[in-house]
Amino acid sequence: MEYNVLTWKVQDSSKADFVQKKINASVAGDGFDDRILRTRSEWRTANIFQAGERIEVKATGTYKKGDTVFFIIPASPLSNYPFIF
């Protein structure tokens, strides 16, 4: 059985692991817009773990407020503010 899945564009060709199936009459009438299936080929993945960039963050400290522990994580290159968990 064939079905449509979410895919994401990737910048790194080594992460492009999605292979588009051939489009034929069996997909007609499935309610999906065939124009999407017939667009140009791109580097894509259906694996959400391949879709983005992984950035390691490390807590520089913690503090406790009531029964909650907060982790202090410095600003990353992609954010304008520090993370507090």
N, C-alpha and C. Protein backbone atom coordinates (compact mmCIF):
# COMPACT_ATOMS: atom_id res chain seq x y z
N MET A 1 0.84 -1.17 0.00
CA MET A 1 0.00 0.00 0.00
C MET A 1 0.88 1.24 0.00
N GLU A 2 0.59 2.18 -0.87
CA GLU A 2 1.34 3.43 -0.93
C GLU A 2 0.52 4.54 -0.33
N TYR A 3 1.18 5.47 0.32
CA TYR A 3 0.49 6.59 0.95
C TYR A 3 1.44 7.79 0.98
N ASN A 4 0.89 8.96 1.19
CA ASN A 4 1.68 10.18 1.24
C ASN A 4 2.20 10.41 2.66
N VAL A 5 3.41 10.94 2.73
CA VAL A 5 4.02 11.25 4.02
C VAL A 5 4.59 12.67 3.97
N LEU A 6 4.77 13.26 5.16
CA LEU A 6 5.42 14.56 5.25
C LEU A 6 6.89 14.42 4.90
N THR A 7 7.43 15.39 4.18
CA THR A 7 8.87 15.42 3.91
C THR A 7 9.37 16.84 4.13
N TRP A 8 10.68 16.95 4.35
CA TRP A 8 11.31 18.25 4.56
C TRP A 8 12.47 18.39 3.60
N LYS A 9 12.70 19.63 3.13
CA LYS A 9 13.88 19.91 2.31
C LYS A 9 15.11 19.88 3.22
N VAL A 10 16.23 19.39 2.67
CA VAL A 10 17.48 19.37 3.41
C VAL A 10 18.56 20.08 2.58
N GLN A 11 19.53 20.66 3.25
CA GLN A 11 20.64 21.34 2.58
C GLN A 11 21.78 20.38 2.25
N ASP A 12 21.92 19.34 3.06
CA ASP A 12 23.00 18.39 2.93
C ASP A 12 22.51 17.17 2.15
N SER A 13 23.11 16.91 1.00
CA SER A 13 22.64 15.80 0.15
C SER A 13 22.75 14.44 0.84
N SER A 14 23.65 14.30 1.82
CA SER A 14 23.78 13.02 2.51
C SER A 14 22.56 12.71 3.39
N LYS A 15 21.76 13.73 3.69
CA LYS A 15 20.55 13.54 4.50
C LYS A 15 19.30 13.36 3.64
N ALA A 16 19.45 13.50 2.34
CA ALA A 16 18.32 13.37 1.41
C ALA A 16 18.06 11.90 1.12
N ASP A 17 17.26 11.26 1.97
CA ASP A 17 17.03 9.83 1.85
C ASP A 17 15.64 9.47 1.33
N PHE A 18 14.86 10.47 0.92
CA PHE A 18 13.51 10.20 0.44
C PHE A 18 13.53 9.93 -1.05
N VAL A 19 12.90 8.84 -1.46
CA VAL A 19 12.81 8.48 -2.88
C VAL A 19 11.35 8.56 -3.29
N GLN A 20 11.05 9.45 -4.24
CA GLN A 20 9.68 9.63 -4.73
C GLN A 20 9.28 8.43 -5.58
N LYS A 21 8.12 7.86 -5.29
CA LYS A 21 7.60 6.76 -6.10
C LYS A 21 7.09 7.30 -7.43
N LYS A 22 6.99 6.43 -8.41
CA LYS A 22 6.42 6.84 -9.70
C LYS A 22 4.94 7.13 -9.52
N ILE A 23 4.49 8.19 -10.16
CA ILE A 23 3.09 8.59 -10.09
C ILE A 23 2.34 7.87 -11.20
N ASN A 24 1.23 7.22 -10.83
CA ASN A 24 0.43 6.55 -11.85
C ASN A 24 -1.05 6.70 -11.52
N ALA A 25 -1.89 6.02 -12.24
CA ALA A 25 -3.34 6.14 -12.07
C ALA A 25 -3.82 5.71 -10.69
N SER A 26 -3.04 4.93 -9.97
CA SER A 26 -3.49 4.44 -8.67
C SER A 26 -3.63 5.56 -7.64
N VAL A 27 -2.97 6.70 -7.87
CA VAL A 27 -3.10 7.81 -6.93
C VAL A 27 -4.25 8.74 -7.29
N ALA A 28 -4.86 8.54 -8.42
CA ALA A 28 -5.97 9.39 -8.84
C ALA A 28 -7.15 9.22 -7.90
N GLY A 29 -7.75 10.32 -7.52
CA GLY A 29 -8.94 10.26 -6.69
C GLY A 29 -8.67 10.02 -5.22
N ASP A 30 -7.40 10.13 -4.80
CA ASP A 30 -7.11 9.91 -3.38
C ASP A 30 -7.28 11.18 -2.56
N GLY A 31 -7.68 12.28 -3.20
CA GLY A 31 -7.90 13.53 -2.49
C GLY A 31 -6.64 14.35 -2.33
N PHE A 32 -5.52 13.86 -2.80
CA PHE A 32 -4.25 14.57 -2.68
C PHE A 32 -4.00 15.33 -3.98
N ASP A 33 -3.47 16.53 -3.89
CA ASP A 33 -3.20 17.36 -5.07
C ASP A 33 -2.01 16.78 -5.83
N ASP A 34 -2.26 16.20 -7.00
CA ASP A 34 -1.20 15.57 -7.79
C ASP A 34 -0.10 16.54 -8.21
N ARG A 35 -0.40 17.85 -8.26
CA ARG A 35 0.64 18.82 -8.64
C ARG A 35 1.79 18.81 -7.64
N ILE A 36 1.50 18.53 -6.39
CA ILE A 36 2.55 18.45 -5.38
C ILE A 36 3.47 17.26 -5.67
N LEU A 37 2.88 16.15 -6.07
CA LEU A 37 3.67 14.95 -6.36
C LEU A 37 4.50 15.10 -7.62
N ARG A 38 4.08 15.99 -8.51
CA ARG A 38 4.75 16.13 -9.80
C ARG A 38 5.72 17.31 -9.85
N THR A 39 6.03 17.92 -8.73
CA THR A 39 6.97 19.04 -8.71
C THR A 39 8.39 18.54 -8.95
N ARG A 40 9.28 19.48 -9.16
CA ARG A 40 10.67 19.10 -9.45
C ARG A 40 11.29 18.34 -8.28
N SER A 41 12.26 17.54 -8.62
CA SER A 41 12.93 16.73 -7.61
C SER A 41 13.81 17.62 -6.74
N GLU A 42 13.80 17.38 -5.44
CA GLU A 42 14.59 18.15 -4.49
C GLU A 42 15.21 17.19 -3.48
N TRP A 43 16.21 17.68 -2.77
CA TRP A 43 16.77 16.91 -1.68
C TRP A 43 15.77 16.95 -0.54
N ARG A 44 15.19 15.80 -0.20
CA ARG A 44 14.14 15.74 0.82
C ARG A 44 14.36 14.52 1.72
N THR A 45 13.78 14.59 2.91
CA THR A 45 13.80 13.47 3.84
C THR A 45 12.43 13.35 4.49
N ALA A 46 12.05 12.13 4.83
CA ALA A 46 10.84 11.90 5.61
C ALA A 46 11.20 11.64 7.07
N ASN A 47 12.49 11.66 7.37
CA ASN A 47 13.00 11.40 8.72
C ASN A 47 13.17 12.74 9.44
N ILE A 48 12.32 13.03 10.41
CA ILE A 48 12.37 14.32 11.09
C ILE A 48 13.73 14.57 11.75
N PHE A 49 14.45 13.52 12.12
CA PHE A 49 15.76 13.68 12.74
C PHE A 49 16.83 14.09 11.74
N GLN A 50 16.55 13.97 10.45
CA GLN A 50 17.46 14.41 9.39
C GLN A 50 17.11 15.83 8.92
N ALA A 51 15.96 16.36 9.34
CA ALA A 51 15.42 17.59 8.77
C ALA A 51 16.10 18.86 9.25
N GLY A 52 16.69 18.86 10.40
CA GLY A 52 17.25 20.09 10.94
C GLY A 52 18.71 19.94 11.30
N GLU A 53 19.20 20.96 11.94
CA GLU A 53 20.58 20.97 12.40
C GLU A 53 20.59 20.72 13.90
N ARG A 54 21.43 19.83 14.34
CA ARG A 54 21.52 19.54 15.77
C ARG A 54 22.56 20.46 16.40
N ILE A 55 22.16 21.10 17.47
CA ILE A 55 23.07 21.98 18.20
C ILE A 55 23.11 21.51 19.65
N GLU A 56 24.30 21.24 20.12
CA GLU A 56 24.46 20.79 21.51
C GLU A 56 24.41 21.99 22.43
N VAL A 57 23.63 21.88 23.47
CA VAL A 57 23.57 22.93 24.49
C VAL A 57 23.89 22.30 25.84
N LYS A 58 24.60 23.06 26.66
CA LYS A 58 24.96 22.57 27.98
C LYS A 58 24.56 23.60 29.02
N ALA A 59 23.96 23.13 30.08
CA ALA A 59 23.56 24.01 31.17
C ALA A 59 24.80 24.52 31.89
N THR A 60 24.78 25.81 32.23
CA THR A 60 25.89 26.39 32.99
C THR A 60 25.55 26.51 34.47
N GLY A 61 24.31 26.21 34.79
CA GLY A 61 23.91 26.29 36.19
C GLY A 61 22.47 25.88 36.36
N THR A 62 22.06 25.80 37.60
CA THR A 62 20.68 25.46 37.93
C THR A 62 20.24 26.32 39.10
N TYR A 63 18.95 26.44 39.26
CA TYR A 63 18.40 27.03 40.48
C TYR A 63 17.05 26.41 40.74
N LYS A 64 16.67 26.42 42.01
CA LYS A 64 15.43 25.79 42.43
C LYS A 64 14.46 26.87 42.89
N LYS A 65 13.22 26.73 42.45
CA LYS A 65 12.15 27.64 42.88
C LYS A 65 10.96 26.76 43.25
N GLY A 66 10.66 26.70 44.53
CA GLY A 66 9.60 25.79 44.97
C GLY A 66 10.02 24.36 44.73
N ASP A 67 9.17 23.60 44.06
CA ASP A 67 9.50 22.20 43.77
C ASP A 67 10.02 22.01 42.34
N THR A 68 10.47 23.11 41.70
CA THR A 68 10.93 23.04 40.31
C THR A 68 12.41 23.40 40.23
N VAL A 69 13.18 22.63 39.45
CA VAL A 69 14.57 22.93 39.18
C VAL A 69 14.67 23.51 37.78
N PHE A 70 15.32 24.67 37.64
CA PHE A 70 15.50 25.33 36.36
C PHE A 70 16.95 25.18 35.91
N PHE A 71 17.16 24.86 34.64
CA PHE A 71 18.48 24.75 34.06
C PHE A 71 18.76 26.03 33.29
N ILE A 72 19.92 26.61 33.51
CA ILE A 72 20.31 27.83 32.80
C ILE A 72 21.23 27.43 31.65
N ILE A 73 20.80 27.77 30.44
CA ILE A 73 21.55 27.41 29.24
C ILE A 73 21.86 28.71 28.50
N PRO A 74 23.15 28.99 28.21
CA PRO A 74 23.51 30.24 27.56
C PRO A 74 22.88 30.37 26.17
N ALA A 75 22.85 31.61 25.69
CA ALA A 75 22.31 31.88 24.35
C ALA A 75 23.07 31.07 23.32
N SER A 76 22.36 30.61 22.31
CA SER A 76 22.98 29.86 21.23
C SER A 76 23.18 30.80 20.04
N PRO A 77 23.94 30.39 19.04
CA PRO A 77 24.13 31.24 17.84
C PRO A 77 22.81 31.51 17.12
N LEU A 78 21.79 30.68 17.37
CA LEU A 78 20.51 30.83 16.67
C LEU A 78 19.47 31.58 17.46
N SER A 79 19.81 32.04 18.65
CA SER A 79 18.80 32.73 19.47
C SER A 79 19.35 34.04 20.00
N ASN A 80 18.44 34.91 20.38
CA ASN A 80 18.81 36.19 20.93
C ASN A 80 18.62 36.23 22.45
N TYR A 81 18.33 35.10 23.03
CA TYR A 81 18.05 35.06 24.45
C TYR A 81 18.53 33.73 25.02
N PRO A 82 18.84 33.69 26.31
CA PRO A 82 19.26 32.42 26.91
C PRO A 82 18.07 31.49 27.11
N PHE A 83 18.33 30.23 27.06
CA PHE A 83 17.30 29.23 27.34
C PHE A 83 17.23 29.00 28.83
N ILE A 84 16.07 28.91 29.38
CA ILE A 84 15.90 28.51 30.77
C ILE A 84 14.87 27.40 30.79
N PHE A 85 15.26 26.22 31.24
CA PHE A 85 14.38 25.06 31.29
C PHE A 85 13.96 24.83 32.71
